[in-house]
Amino acid sequence: MLKTDGFTKAALTTIVLLLSLLALRPAVDVPAVQAGSDYWPLYVEPGTTTLRTLDGRGQVQGKVVIDRRTGDVWGFPTGSSVPYPVVTTSSEPPHSKPIYLGRFDFSAMKRPN
């Protein structure tokens, strides 16, 4: 038979109390939950690149943006190598309309066995 002394009983009681405190802590101190996410579905390629229209008739400098949900690739003309639209002949802020460049087929990506 195992002989228990006062020290062993005190140590086991302390362990039980501390484990109980750890187990009950989430019920007493409920952590905050956020429904939002830091995920942004658009990836903006750094720098600028030459954008070509799908018909092949035009080229312009611009930013490339990829929609990570669909794989669609869009180009936003900037008019120069700066990363934002520039029009030097007008005092109004320029507005860059997207050019559809193509699509990445993310669904075709399969891990090799």
Protein backbone atom coordinates (compact mmCIF):
# COMPACT_ATOMS: atom_id res chain seq x y z
CA MET A 1 0.00 0.00 0.00
CA LEU A 2 1.22 3.51 -0.82
CA LYS A 3 1.98 5.58 2.21
CA THR A 4 0.96 9.25 1.92
CA ASP A 5 2.32 11.96 4.06
CA GLY A 6 1.27 15.61 4.51
CA PHE A 7 3.66 16.92 1.83
CA THR A 8 2.35 14.55 -0.84
CA LYS A 9 -1.26 15.47 -0.02
CA ALA A 10 -0.44 19.19 -0.18
CA ALA A 11 1.42 18.80 -3.50
CA LEU A 12 -1.41 16.78 -5.08
CA THR A 13 -4.02 19.24 -3.80
CA THR A 14 -2.04 22.15 -5.28
CA ILE A 15 -1.75 20.36 -8.63
CA VAL A 16 -5.50 19.63 -8.69
CA LEU A 17 -6.37 23.25 -7.84
CA LEU A 18 -4.04 24.69 -10.50
CA LEU A 19 -5.31 22.28 -13.18
CA SER A 20 -8.89 23.17 -12.23
CA LEU A 21 -8.02 26.86 -12.54
CA LEU A 22 -6.59 26.25 -16.04
CA ALA A 23 -9.64 24.21 -17.08
CA LEU A 24 -12.19 26.76 -15.81
CA ARG A 25 -10.38 29.89 -17.05
CA PRO A 26 -12.01 29.94 -20.55
CA ALA A 27 -15.47 29.77 -18.93
CA VAL A 28 -14.73 32.74 -16.67
CA ASP A 29 -12.58 34.85 -18.99
CA VAL A 30 -14.28 34.42 -22.39
CA PRO A 31 -11.98 35.56 -25.23
CA ALA A 32 -13.31 38.14 -27.71
CA VAL A 33 -14.27 36.81 -31.13
CA GLN A 34 -14.11 38.77 -34.37
CA ALA A 35 -16.16 37.92 -37.42
CA GLY A 36 -13.97 40.05 -39.68
CA SER A 37 -10.86 38.94 -41.48
CA ASP A 38 -7.63 40.58 -42.58
CA TYR A 39 -7.85 38.68 -45.90
CA TRP A 40 -8.03 40.99 -48.90
CA PRO A 41 -8.99 39.14 -52.10
CA LEU A 42 -7.02 41.41 -54.44
CA TYR A 43 -3.27 41.12 -54.96
CA VAL A 44 -1.61 44.25 -56.38
CA GLU A 45 1.63 43.45 -58.16
CA PRO A 46 4.46 45.74 -57.01
CA GLY A 47 5.80 48.23 -59.54
CA THR A 48 4.41 48.82 -63.01
CA THR A 49 4.56 46.80 -66.20
CA THR A 50 3.56 47.10 -69.84
CA LEU A 51 -0.12 46.23 -70.25
CA ARG A 52 -1.40 44.93 -73.58
CA THR A 53 -5.03 44.89 -74.53
CA LEU A 54 -6.57 41.55 -75.49
CA ASP A 55 -6.97 42.67 -79.11
CA GLY A 56 -3.21 43.39 -79.22
CA ARG A 57 -3.67 46.91 -80.58
CA GLY A 58 -2.54 48.89 -77.57
CA GLN A 59 0.14 49.03 -74.90
CA VAL A 60 0.39 51.25 -71.85
CA GLN A 61 2.25 51.28 -68.52
CA GLY A 62 0.16 50.23 -65.54
CA LYS A 63 -0.43 48.17 -62.42
CA VAL A 64 -1.44 44.49 -62.47
CA VAL A 65 -4.12 43.35 -60.01
CA ILE A 66 -5.10 39.70 -59.47
CA ASP A 67 -8.41 38.67 -57.93
CA ARG A 68 -7.38 35.70 -55.76
CA ARG A 69 -10.94 34.39 -55.54
CA THR A 70 -11.49 34.02 -59.29
CA GLY A 71 -8.02 34.20 -60.84
CA ASP A 72 -9.02 37.17 -63.02
CA VAL A 73 -6.11 39.45 -63.94
CA TRP A 74 -6.76 43.15 -64.46
CA GLY A 75 -4.51 45.97 -65.57
CA PHE A 76 -4.98 49.54 -64.40
CA PRO A 77 -3.25 52.03 -66.73
CA THR A 78 -1.15 54.65 -64.99
CA GLY A 79 0.15 56.41 -68.10
CA SER A 80 3.76 56.31 -66.89
CA SER A 81 6.13 54.28 -64.73
CA VAL A 82 4.76 55.77 -61.51
CA PRO A 83 2.42 53.47 -59.51
CA TYR A 84 -0.63 55.74 -59.73
CA PRO A 85 -2.55 57.37 -62.63
CA VAL A 86 -0.98 60.57 -63.95
CA VAL A 87 -2.46 63.14 -66.31
CA THR A 88 -0.43 66.34 -66.57
CA THR A 89 -2.90 68.20 -68.81
CA SER A 90 -5.77 68.31 -66.31
CA SER A 91 -6.19 69.60 -62.77
CA GLU A 92 -8.79 66.90 -62.04
CA PRO A 93 -7.60 63.68 -60.37
CA PRO A 94 -7.29 60.95 -63.02
CA HIS A 95 -9.49 57.86 -62.95
CA SER A 96 -7.95 54.61 -64.21
CA LYS A 97 -10.43 52.07 -65.62
CA PRO A 98 -9.42 48.39 -65.57
CA ILE A 99 -8.41 46.40 -68.64
CA TYR A 100 -9.19 42.69 -68.48
CA LEU A 101 -5.93 40.82 -69.18
CA GLY A 102 -6.84 37.19 -68.60
CA ARG A 103 -7.41 34.55 -65.96
CA PHE A 104 -5.35 32.13 -63.89
CA ASP A 105 -7.15 28.78 -63.64
CA PHE A 106 -6.56 28.09 -59.95
CA SER A 107 -8.91 25.09 -60.04
CA ALA A 108 -6.51 23.24 -62.39
CA MET A 109 -3.73 23.29 -59.79
CA LYS A 110 -3.46 19.78 -58.39
CA ARG A 111 -0.82 18.43 -56.05
CA PRO A 112 1.13 15.51 -57.61
CA ASN A 113 0.64 12.15 -55.94
